[in-house]
Amino acid sequence: MGYQERANLRVAQPLLDFVEREALPGTGVEAATFWQGLAALVGGLSARNKELLTKRDALQAKIDAWYSARAGQPVDVPAQLALLREIGYLTTRAQPVQD
């Protein structure tokens, strides 16, 4: 699959073709304006995305360690749920979305 650069983004050819040939025509939005806006959005969210990926990796490591320590044991759903609540993967009530 080929890539092309648009506004400092490496864009896969199928996505580029879709956006520039199908999605944008008739909208009044120029391709350069679209790609610049997307690049700004991606740039603004990249630090938060990295933070969330790090958190996901930490949660997964705890889950993996828990299951490895219990290999061969019968399934214990209450214990699984307790682990997921303990590490913050599950909550008992909805939490407000944070910026």
PDB file of N, CA and C in Angstrom:
ATOM      1  N   MET A   1       0.853  -1.172   0.000  1.00  0.00           N
ATOM      2  CA  MET A   1       0.000   0.000   0.000  1.00  0.00           C
ATOM      3  C   MET A   1       0.891   1.224   0.000  1.00  0.00           C
ATOM      4  N   GLY A   2       0.601   2.149  -0.871  1.00  0.00           N
ATOM      5  CA  GLY A   2       1.377   3.363  -0.947  1.00  0.00           C
ATOM      6  C   GLY A   2       0.852   4.446  -0.026  1.00  0.00           C
ATOM      7  N   TYR A   3       1.715   5.385   0.273  1.00  0.00           N
ATOM      8  CA  TYR A   3       1.371   6.524   1.116  1.00  0.00           C
ATOM      9  C   TYR A   3       1.790   7.798   0.406  1.00  0.00           C
ATOM     10  N   GLN A   4       1.060   8.864   0.672  1.00  0.00           N
ATOM     11  CA  GLN A   4       1.440  10.183   0.189  1.00  0.00           C
ATOM     12  C   GLN A   4       1.393  11.140   1.359  1.00  0.00           C
ATOM     13  N   GLU A   5       2.177  12.193   1.270  1.00  0.00           N
ATOM     14  CA  GLU A   5       2.199  13.175   2.346  1.00  0.00           C
ATOM     15  C   GLU A   5       1.215  14.296   2.044  1.00  0.00           C
ATOM     16  N   ARG A   6       0.457  14.615   3.062  1.00  0.00           N
ATOM     17  CA  ARG A   6      -0.476  15.743   3.018  1.00  0.00           C
ATOM     18  C   ARG A   6      -0.381  16.438   4.364  1.00  0.00           C
ATOM     19  N   ALA A   7      -0.015  17.711   4.363  1.00  0.00           N
ATOM     20  CA  ALA A   7       0.039  18.534   5.585  1.00  0.00           C
ATOM     21  C   ALA A   7       0.823  17.821   6.696  1.00  0.00           C
ATOM     22  N   ASN A   8       1.970  17.278   6.364  1.00  0.00           N
ATOM     23  CA  ASN A   8       2.842  16.567   7.307  1.00  0.00           C
ATOM     24  C   ASN A   8       2.233  15.284   7.861  1.00  0.00           C
ATOM     25  N   LEU A   9       1.249  14.734   7.186  1.00  0.00           N
ATOM     26  CA  LEU A   9       0.675  13.435   7.528  1.00  0.00           C
ATOM     27  C   LEU A   9       1.020  12.465   6.416  1.00  0.00           C
ATOM     28  N   ARG A  10       1.330  11.223   6.779  1.00  0.00           N
ATOM     29  CA  ARG A  10       1.486  10.163   5.775  1.00  0.00           C
ATOM     30  C   ARG A  10       0.126   9.497   5.648  1.00  0.00           C
ATOM     31  N   VAL A  11      -0.487   9.648   4.487  1.00  0.00           N
ATOM     32  CA  VAL A  11      -1.852   9.188   4.281  1.00  0.00           C
ATOM     33  C   VAL A  11      -1.841   7.991   3.336  1.00  0.00           C
ATOM     34  N   ALA A  12      -2.488   6.906   3.751  1.00  0.00           N
ATOM     35  CA  ALA A  12      -2.593   5.716   2.910  1.00  0.00           C
ATOM     36  C   ALA A  12      -3.380   6.072   1.652  1.00  0.00           C
ATOM     37  N   GLN A  13      -2.926   5.554   0.542  1.00  0.00           N
ATOM     38  CA  GLN A  13      -3.523   5.880  -0.749  1.00  0.00           C
ATOM     39  C   GLN A  13      -5.035   5.641  -0.800  1.00  0.00           C
ATOM     40  N   PRO A  14      -5.562   4.522  -0.275  1.00  0.00           N
ATOM     41  CA  PRO A  14      -7.015   4.340  -0.333  1.00  0.00           C
ATOM     42  C   PRO A  14      -7.786   5.430   0.422  1.00  0.00           C
ATOM     43  N   LEU A  15      -7.267   5.869   1.563  1.00  0.00           N
ATOM     44  CA  LEU A  15      -7.930   6.943   2.311  1.00  0.00           C
ATOM     45  C   LEU A  15      -7.824   8.256   1.553  1.00  0.00           C
ATOM     46  N   LEU A  16      -6.649   8.539   1.032  1.00  0.00           N
ATOM     47  CA  LEU A  16      -6.451   9.757   0.262  1.00  0.00           C
ATOM     48  C   LEU A  16      -7.394   9.797  -0.933  1.00  0.00           C
ATOM     49  N   ASP A  17      -7.489   8.698  -1.662  1.00  0.00           N
ATOM     50  CA  ASP A  17      -8.382   8.635  -2.821  1.00  0.00           C
ATOM     51  C   ASP A  17      -9.830   8.862  -2.412  1.00  0.00           C
ATOM     52  N   PHE A  18     -10.254   8.215  -1.320  1.00  0.00           N
ATOM     53  CA  PHE A  18     -11.633   8.374  -0.865  1.00  0.00           C
ATOM     54  C   PHE A  18     -11.922   9.827  -0.507  1.00  0.00           C
ATOM     55  N   VAL A  19     -11.056  10.420   0.297  1.00  0.00           N
ATOM     56  CA  VAL A  19     -11.291  11.787   0.751  1.00  0.00           C
ATOM     57  C   VAL A  19     -11.303  12.752  -0.421  1.00  0.00           C
ATOM     58  N   GLU A  20     -10.288  12.671  -1.271  1.00  0.00           N
ATOM     59  CA  GLU A  20     -10.137  13.666  -2.330  1.00  0.00           C
ATOM     60  C   GLU A  20     -11.036  13.421  -3.538  1.00  0.00           C
ATOM     61  N   ARG A  21     -11.431  12.178  -3.776  1.00  0.00           N
ATOM     62  CA  ARG A  21     -12.247  11.884  -4.964  1.00  0.00           C
ATOM     63  C   ARG A  21     -13.720  11.689  -4.660  1.00  0.00           C
ATOM     64  N   GLU A  22     -14.042  11.254  -3.423  1.00  0.00           N
ATOM     65  CA  GLU A  22     -15.441  10.947  -3.113  1.00  0.00           C
ATOM     66  C   GLU A  22     -16.034  11.819  -2.015  1.00  0.00           C
ATOM     67  N   ALA A  23     -15.301  12.011  -0.936  1.00  0.00           N
ATOM     68  CA  ALA A  23     -15.877  12.714   0.213  1.00  0.00           C
ATOM     69  C   ALA A  23     -15.917  14.226   0.030  1.00  0.00           C
ATOM     70  N   LEU A  24     -14.852  14.823  -0.463  1.00  0.00           N
ATOM     71  CA  LEU A  24     -14.778  16.281  -0.537  1.00  0.00           C
ATOM     72  C   LEU A  24     -15.492  16.927  -1.720  1.00  0.00           C
ATOM     73  N   PRO A  25     -15.492  16.325  -2.901  1.00  0.00           N
ATOM     74  CA  PRO A  25     -16.144  17.003  -4.024  1.00  0.00           C
ATOM     75  C   PRO A  25     -17.604  17.345  -3.707  1.00  0.00           C
ATOM     76  N   GLY A  26     -17.938  18.597  -3.974  1.00  0.00           N
ATOM     77  CA  GLY A  26     -19.299  19.060  -3.739  1.00  0.00           C
ATOM     78  C   GLY A  26     -19.517  19.654  -2.360  1.00  0.00           C
ATOM     79  N   THR A  27     -18.520  19.560  -1.481  1.00  0.00           N
ATOM     80  CA  THR A  27     -18.686  20.095  -0.130  1.00  0.00           C
ATOM     81  C   THR A  27     -18.225  21.539  -0.007  1.00  0.00           C
ATOM     82  N   GLY A  28     -17.427  21.990  -0.960  1.00  0.00           N
ATOM     83  CA  GLY A  28     -16.864  23.331  -0.865  1.00  0.00           C
ATOM     84  C   GLY A  28     -15.594  23.388  -0.032  1.00  0.00           C
ATOM     85  N   VAL A  29     -15.154  22.240   0.464  1.00  0.00           N
ATOM     86  CA  VAL A  29     -13.927  22.180   1.260  1.00  0.00           C
ATOM     87  C   VAL A  29     -12.790  21.746   0.351  1.00  0.00           C
ATOM     88  N   GLU A  30     -11.757  22.547   0.309  1.00  0.00           N
ATOM     89  CA  GLU A  30     -10.582  22.215  -0.488  1.00  0.00           C
ATOM     90  C   GLU A  30      -9.789  21.109   0.202  1.00  0.00           C
ATOM     91  N   ALA A  31      -9.155  20.266  -0.588  1.00  0.00           N
ATOM     92  CA  ALA A  31      -8.384  19.153  -0.034  1.00  0.00           C
ATOM     93  C   ALA A  31      -7.290  19.657   0.908  1.00  0.00           C
ATOM     94  N   ALA A  32      -6.584  20.696   0.521  1.00  0.00           N
ATOM     95  CA  ALA A  32      -5.504  21.215   1.378  1.00  0.00           C
ATOM     96  C   ALA A  32      -6.051  21.682   2.723  1.00  0.00           C
ATOM     97  N   THR A  33      -7.209  22.317   2.712  1.00  0.00           N
ATOM     98  CA  THR A  33      -7.834  22.779   3.956  1.00  0.00           C
ATOM     99  C   THR A  33      -8.212  21.596   4.835  1.00  0.00           C
ATOM    100  N   PHE A  34      -8.779  20.553   4.222  1.00  0.00           N
ATOM    101  CA  PHE A  34      -9.141  19.354   4.974  1.00  0.00           C
ATOM    102  C   PHE A  34      -7.921  18.741   5.634  1.00  0.00           C
ATOM    103  N   TRP A  35      -6.854  18.510   4.866  1.00  0.00           N
ATOM    104  CA  TRP A  35      -5.672  17.847   5.406  1.00  0.00           C
ATOM    105  C   TRP A  35      -4.996  18.693   6.474  1.00  0.00           C
ATOM    106  N   GLN A  36      -4.975  20.015   6.298  1.00  0.00           N
ATOM    107  CA  GLN A  36      -4.395  20.886   7.324  1.00  0.00           C
ATOM    108  C   GLN A  36      -5.202  20.811   8.615  1.00  0.00           C
ATOM    109  N   GLY A  37      -6.528  20.781   8.497  1.00  0.00           N
ATOM    110  CA  GLY A  37      -7.379  20.656   9.678  1.00  0.00           C
ATOM    111  C   GLY A  37      -7.190  19.317  10.368  1.00  0.00           C
ATOM    112  N   LEU A  38      -7.103  18.244   9.579  1.00  0.00           N
ATOM    113  CA  LEU A  38      -6.882  16.920  10.164  1.00  0.00           C
ATOM    114  C   LEU A  38      -5.527  16.853  10.851  1.00  0.00           C
ATOM    115  N   ALA A  39      -4.504  17.433  10.223  1.00  0.00           N
ATOM    116  CA  ALA A  39      -3.165  17.434  10.826  1.00  0.00           C
ATOM    117  C   ALA A  39      -3.180  18.194  12.149  1.00  0.00           C
ATOM    118  N   ALA A  40      -3.897  19.294  12.212  1.00  0.00           N
ATOM    119  CA  ALA A  40      -3.993  20.058  13.461  1.00  0.00           C
ATOM    120  C   ALA A  40      -4.720  19.256  14.528  1.00  0.00           C
ATOM    121  N   LEU A  41      -5.784  18.584  14.141  1.00  0.00           N
ATOM    122  CA  LEU A  41      -6.536  17.759  15.084  1.00  0.00           C
ATOM    123  C   LEU A  41      -5.686  16.611  15.613  1.00  0.00           C
ATOM    124  N   VAL A  42      -5.021  15.898  14.719  1.00  0.00           N
ATOM    125  CA  VAL A  42      -4.161  14.783  15.116  1.00  0.00           C
ATOM    126  C   VAL A  42      -3.031  15.280  16.013  1.00  0.00           C
ATOM    127  N   GLY A  43      -2.436  16.392  15.642  1.00  0.00           N
ATOM    128  CA  GLY A  43      -1.350  16.951  16.445  1.00  0.00           C
ATOM    129  C   GLY A  43      -1.813  17.341  17.836  1.00  0.00           C
ATOM    130  N   GLY A  44      -3.006  17.897  17.927  1.00  0.00           N
ATOM    131  CA  GLY A  44      -3.540  18.308  19.215  1.00  0.00           C
ATOM    132  C   GLY A  44      -3.906  17.146  20.118  1.00  0.00           C
ATOM    133  N   LEU A  45      -4.229  16.015  19.530  1.00  0.00           N
ATOM    134  CA  LEU A  45      -4.647  14.854  20.315  1.00  0.00           C
ATOM    135  C   LEU A  45      -3.537  13.824  20.536  1.00  0.00           C
ATOM    136  N   SER A  46      -2.398  14.006  19.902  1.00  0.00           N
ATOM    137  CA  SER A  46      -1.365  12.968  19.951  1.00  0.00           C
ATOM    138  C   SER A  46      -0.818  12.733  21.359  1.00  0.00           C
ATOM    139  N   ALA A  47      -0.647  13.786  22.150  1.00  0.00           N
ATOM    140  CA  ALA A  47      -0.129  13.598  23.506  1.00  0.00           C
ATOM    141  C   ALA A  47      -1.124  12.801  24.348  1.00  0.00           C
ATOM    142  N   ARG A  48      -2.406  13.126  24.239  1.00  0.00           N
ATOM    143  CA  ARG A  48      -3.431  12.401  24.995  1.00  0.00           C
ATOM    144  C   ARG A  48      -3.517  10.951  24.529  1.00  0.00           C
ATOM    145  N   ASN A  49      -3.414  10.737  23.231  1.00  0.00           N
ATOM    146  CA  ASN A  49      -3.441   9.382  22.686  1.00  0.00           C
ATOM    147  C   ASN A  49      -2.281   8.561  23.239  1.00  0.00           C
ATOM    148  N   LYS A  50      -1.099   9.135  23.273  1.00  0.00           N
ATOM    149  CA  LYS A  50       0.069   8.442  23.808  1.00  0.00           C
ATOM    150  C   LYS A  50      -0.147   8.094  25.276  1.00  0.00           C
ATOM    151  N   GLU A  51      -0.706   9.015  26.031  1.00  0.00           N
ATOM    152  CA  GLU A  51      -0.993   8.787  27.450  1.00  0.00           C
ATOM    153  C   GLU A  51      -1.978   7.627  27.621  1.00  0.00           C
ATOM    154  N   LEU A  52      -3.017   7.604  26.816  1.00  0.00           N
ATOM    155  CA  LEU A  52      -4.021   6.544  26.908  1.00  0.00           C
ATOM    156  C   LEU A  52      -3.457   5.193  26.484  1.00  0.00           C
ATOM    157  N   LEU A  53      -2.597   5.168  25.487  1.00  0.00           N
ATOM    158  CA  LEU A  53      -1.966   3.916  25.072  1.00  0.00           C
ATOM    159  C   LEU A  53      -1.057   3.373  26.174  1.00  0.00           C
ATOM    160  N   THR A  54      -0.360   4.255  26.871  1.00  0.00           N
ATOM    161  CA  THR A  54       0.484   3.845  27.991  1.00  0.00           C
ATOM    162  C   THR A  54      -0.377   3.258  29.105  1.00  0.00           C
ATOM    163  N   LYS A  55      -1.501   3.901  29.384  1.00  0.00           N
ATOM    164  CA  LYS A  55      -2.420   3.391  30.412  1.00  0.00           C
ATOM    165  C   LYS A  55      -2.969   2.025  30.004  1.00  0.00           C
ATOM    166  N   ARG A  56      -3.337   1.876  28.734  1.00  0.00           N
ATOM    167  CA  ARG A  56      -3.839   0.595  28.245  1.00  0.00           C
ATOM    168  C   ARG A  56      -2.793  -0.506  28.423  1.00  0.00           C
ATOM    169  N   ASP A  57      -1.543  -0.205  28.092  1.00  0.00           N
ATOM    170  CA  ASP A  57      -0.463  -1.191  28.245  1.00  0.00           C
ATOM    171  C   ASP A  57      -0.295  -1.600  29.707  1.00  0.00           C
ATOM    172  N   ALA A  58      -0.392  -0.637  30.624  1.00  0.00           N
ATOM    173  CA  ALA A  58      -0.255  -0.940  32.052  1.00  0.00           C
ATOM    174  C   ALA A  58      -1.405  -1.823  32.530  1.00  0.00           C
ATOM    175  N   LEU A  59      -2.623  -1.502  32.108  1.00  0.00           N
ATOM    176  CA  LEU A  59      -3.773  -2.331  32.479  1.00  0.00           C
ATOM    177  C   LEU A  59      -3.624  -3.747  31.930  1.00  0.00           C
ATOM    178  N   GLN A  60      -3.214  -3.855  30.682  1.00  0.00           N
ATOM    179  CA  GLN A  60      -3.067  -5.170  30.062  1.00  0.00           C
ATOM    180  C   GLN A  60      -2.006  -5.990  30.767  1.00  0.00           C
ATOM    181  N   ALA A  61      -0.923  -5.342  31.183  1.00  0.00           N
ATOM    182  CA  ALA A  61       0.139  -6.052  31.897  1.00  0.00           C
ATOM    183  C   ALA A  61      -0.382  -6.611  33.223  1.00  0.00           C
ATOM    184  N   LYS A  62      -1.198  -5.846  33.923  1.00  0.00           N
ATOM    185  CA  LYS A  62      -1.770  -6.321  35.190  1.00  0.00           C
ATOM    186  C   LYS A  62      -2.733  -7.485  34.954  1.00  0.00           C
ATOM    187  N   ILE A  63      -3.528  -7.376  33.923  1.00  0.00           N
ATOM    188  CA  ILE A  63      -4.474  -8.451  33.591  1.00  0.00           C
ATOM    189  C   ILE A  63      -3.710  -9.719  33.204  1.00  0.00           C
ATOM    190  N   ASP A  64      -2.708  -9.566  32.358  1.00  0.00           N
ATOM    191  CA  ASP A  64      -1.909 -10.724  31.930  1.00  0.00           C
ATOM    192  C   ASP A  64      -1.241 -11.397  33.120  1.00  0.00           C
ATOM    193  N   ALA A  65      -0.667 -10.603  34.030  1.00  0.00           N
ATOM    194  CA  ALA A  65       0.004 -11.166  35.203  1.00  0.00           C
ATOM    195  C   ALA A  65      -0.989 -11.925  36.082  1.00  0.00           C
ATOM    196  N   TRP A  66      -2.174 -11.365  36.233  1.00  0.00           N
ATOM    197  CA  TRP A  66      -3.204 -12.007  37.059  1.00  0.00           C
ATOM    198  C   TRP A  66      -3.583 -13.367  36.477  1.00  0.00           C
ATOM    199  N   TYR A  67      -3.829 -13.398  35.167  1.00  0.00           N
ATOM    200  CA  TYR A  67      -4.198 -14.671  34.530  1.00  0.00           C
ATOM    201  C   TYR A  67      -3.039 -15.667  34.536  1.00  0.00           C
ATOM    202  N   SER A  68      -1.828 -15.198  34.345  1.00  0.00           N
ATOM    203  CA  SER A  68      -0.667 -16.094  34.377  1.00  0.00           C
ATOM    204  C   SER A  68      -0.508 -16.735  35.748  1.00  0.00           C
ATOM    205  N   ALA A  69      -0.748 -15.963  36.799  1.00  0.00           N
ATOM    206  CA  ALA A  69      -0.622 -16.484  38.160  1.00  0.00           C
ATOM    207  C   ALA A  69      -1.703 -17.516  38.469  1.00  0.00           C
ATOM    208  N   ARG A  70      -2.786 -17.513  37.716  1.00  0.00           N
ATOM    209  CA  ARG A  70      -3.897 -18.437  37.964  1.00  0.00           C
ATOM    210  C   ARG A  70      -4.058 -19.483  36.863  1.00  0.00           C
ATOM    211  N   ALA A  71      -3.025 -19.665  36.080  1.00  0.00           N
ATOM    212  CA  ALA A  71      -3.087 -20.645  34.984  1.00  0.00           C
ATOM    213  C   ALA A  71      -3.453 -22.020  35.517  1.00  0.00           C
ATOM    214  N   GLY A  72      -4.412 -22.654  34.859  1.00  0.00           N
ATOM    215  CA  GLY A  72      -4.824 -23.991  35.239  1.00  0.00           C
ATOM    216  C   GLY A  72      -5.885 -24.034  36.316  1.00  0.00           C
ATOM    217  N   GLN A  73      -6.193 -22.903  36.921  1.00  0.00           N
ATOM    218  CA  GLN A  73      -7.221 -22.862  37.957  1.00  0.00           C
ATOM    219  C   GLN A  73      -8.602 -22.693  37.312  1.00  0.00           C
ATOM    220  N   PRO A  74      -9.646 -23.102  38.014  1.00  0.00           N
ATOM    221  CA  PRO A  74     -10.999 -22.905  37.481  1.00  0.00           C
ATOM    222  C   PRO A  74     -11.316 -21.415  37.324  1.00  0.00           C
ATOM    223  N   VAL A  75     -12.203 -21.134  36.409  1.00  0.00           N
ATOM    224  CA  VAL A  75     -12.628 -19.757  36.173  1.00  0.00           C
ATOM    225  C   VAL A  75     -13.346 -19.243  37.413  1.00  0.00           C
ATOM    226  N   ASP A  76     -12.966 -18.030  37.848  1.00  0.00           N
ATOM    227  CA  ASP A  76     -13.555 -17.399  39.021  1.00  0.00           C
ATOM    228  C   ASP A  76     -14.025 -16.002  38.616  1.00  0.00           C
ATOM    229  N   VAL A  77     -15.252 -15.940  38.121  1.00  0.00           N
ATOM    230  CA  VAL A  77     -15.773 -14.676  37.591  1.00  0.00           C
ATOM    231  C   VAL A  77     -15.786 -13.573  38.643  1.00  0.00           C
ATOM    232  N   PRO A  78     -16.242 -13.815  39.876  1.00  0.00           N
ATOM    233  CA  PRO A  78     -16.199 -12.735  40.865  1.00  0.00           C
ATOM    234  C   PRO A  78     -14.779 -12.199  41.089  1.00  0.00           C
ATOM    235  N   ALA A  79     -13.780 -13.074  41.100  1.00  0.00           N
ATOM    236  CA  ALA A  79     -12.397 -12.628  41.267  1.00  0.00           C
ATOM    237  C   ALA A  79     -11.936 -11.828  40.053  1.00  0.00           C
ATOM    238  N   GLN A  80     -12.349 -12.246  38.863  1.00  0.00           N
ATOM    239  CA  GLN A  80     -11.995 -11.497  37.654  1.00  0.00           C
ATOM    240  C   GLN A  80     -12.586 -10.089  37.717  1.00  0.00           C
ATOM    241  N   LEU A  81     -13.843 -10.004  38.082  1.00  0.00           N
ATOM    242  CA  LEU A  81     -14.495  -8.695  38.184  1.00  0.00           C
ATOM    243  C   LEU A  81     -13.833  -7.836  39.255  1.00  0.00           C
ATOM    244  N   ALA A  82     -13.463  -8.451  40.371  1.00  0.00           N
ATOM    245  CA  ALA A  82     -12.790  -7.707  41.438  1.00  0.00           C
ATOM    246  C   ALA A  82     -11.467  -7.131  40.944  1.00  0.00           C
ATOM    247  N   LEU A  83     -10.702  -7.935  40.215  1.00  0.00           N
ATOM    248  CA  LEU A  83      -9.443  -7.443  39.651  1.00  0.00           C
ATOM    249  C   LEU A  83      -9.689  -6.245  38.747  1.00  0.00           C
ATOM    250  N   LEU A  84     -10.642  -6.382  37.831  1.00  0.00           N
ATOM    251  CA  LEU A  84     -10.898  -5.316  36.868  1.00  0.00           C
ATOM    252  C   LEU A  84     -11.352  -4.034  37.558  1.00  0.00           C
ATOM    253  N   ARG A  85     -12.103  -4.170  38.642  1.00  0.00           N
ATOM    254  CA  ARG A  85     -12.503  -2.971  39.408  1.00  0.00           C
ATOM    255  C   ARG A  85     -11.303  -2.403  40.166  1.00  0.00           C
ATOM    256  N   GLU A  86     -10.500  -3.278  40.746  1.00  0.00           N
ATOM    257  CA  GLU A  86      -9.338  -2.853  41.533  1.00  0.00           C
ATOM    258  C   GLU A  86      -8.353  -2.039  40.695  1.00  0.00           C
ATOM    259  N   ILE A  87      -8.140  -2.449  39.461  1.00  0.00           N
ATOM    260  CA  ILE A  87      -7.159  -1.737  38.620  1.00  0.00           C
ATOM    261  C   ILE A  87      -7.781  -0.570  37.857  1.00  0.00           C
ATOM    262  N   GLY A  88      -9.083  -0.358  38.024  1.00  0.00           N
ATOM    263  CA  GLY A  88      -9.729   0.783  37.381  1.00  0.00           C
ATOM    264  C   GLY A  88     -10.239   0.522  35.982  1.00  0.00           C
ATOM    265  N   TYR A  89     -10.208  -0.734  35.550  1.00  0.00           N
ATOM    266  CA  TYR A  89     -10.700  -1.094  34.221  1.00  0.00           C
ATOM    267  C   TYR A  89     -12.225  -1.022  34.184  1.00  0.00           C
ATOM    268  N   LEU A  90     -12.855  -1.431  35.280  1.00  0.00           N
ATOM    269  CA  LEU A  90     -14.306  -1.327  35.432  1.00  0.00           C
ATOM    270  C   LEU A  90     -14.606  -0.411  36.599  1.00  0.00           C
ATOM    271  N   THR A  91     -15.689   0.317  36.505  1.00  0.00           N
ATOM    272  CA  THR A  91     -16.145   1.140  37.620  1.00  0.00           C
ATOM    273  C   THR A  91     -17.567   0.738  37.958  1.00  0.00           C
ATOM    274  N   THR A  92     -17.985   1.042  39.158  1.00  0.00           N
ATOM    275  CA  THR A  92     -19.333   0.680  39.577  1.00  0.00           C
ATOM    276  C   THR A  92     -20.371   1.663  39.070  1.00  0.00           C
ATOM    277  N   ARG A  93     -19.961   2.849  38.712  1.00  0.00           N
ATOM    278  CA  ARG A  93     -20.886   3.836  38.155  1.00  0.00           C
ATOM    279  C   ARG A  93     -20.160   4.647  37.086  1.00  0.00           C
ATOM    280  N   ALA A  94     -20.956   5.246  36.239  1.00  0.00           N
ATOM    281  CA  ALA A  94     -20.367   6.032  35.156  1.00  0.00           C
ATOM    282  C   ALA A  94     -19.597   7.217  35.713  1.00  0.00           C
ATOM    283  N   GLN A  95     -18.442   7.465  35.117  1.00  0.00           N
ATOM    284  CA  GLN A  95     -17.628   8.618  35.494  1.00  0.00           C
ATOM    285  C   GLN A  95     -17.779   9.694  34.425  1.00  0.00           C
ATOM    286  N   PRO A  96     -17.728  10.955  34.818  1.00  0.00           N
ATOM    287  CA  PRO A  96     -17.818  12.018  33.803  1.00  0.00           C
ATOM    288  C   PRO A  96     -16.626  11.961  32.861  1.00  0.00           C
ATOM    289  N   VAL A  97     -16.857  12.312  31.629  1.00  0.00           N
ATOM    290  CA  VAL A  97     -15.790  12.367  30.635  1.00  0.00           C
ATOM    291  C   VAL A  97     -14.848  13.510  30.992  1.00  0.00           C
ATOM    292  N   GLN A  98     -13.553  13.226  30.935  1.00  0.00           N
ATOM    293  CA  GLN A  98     -12.572  14.257  31.263  1.00  0.00           C
ATOM    294  C   GLN A  98     -11.833  14.681  30.012  1.00  0.00           C
ATOM    295  N   ASP A  99     -11.536  15.952  29.941  1.00  0.00           N
ATOM    296  CA  ASP A  99     -10.789  16.482  28.796  1.00  0.00           C
ATOM    297  C   ASP A  99      -9.343  16.138  28.906  1.00  0.00           C
TER     298      ASP A  99
END
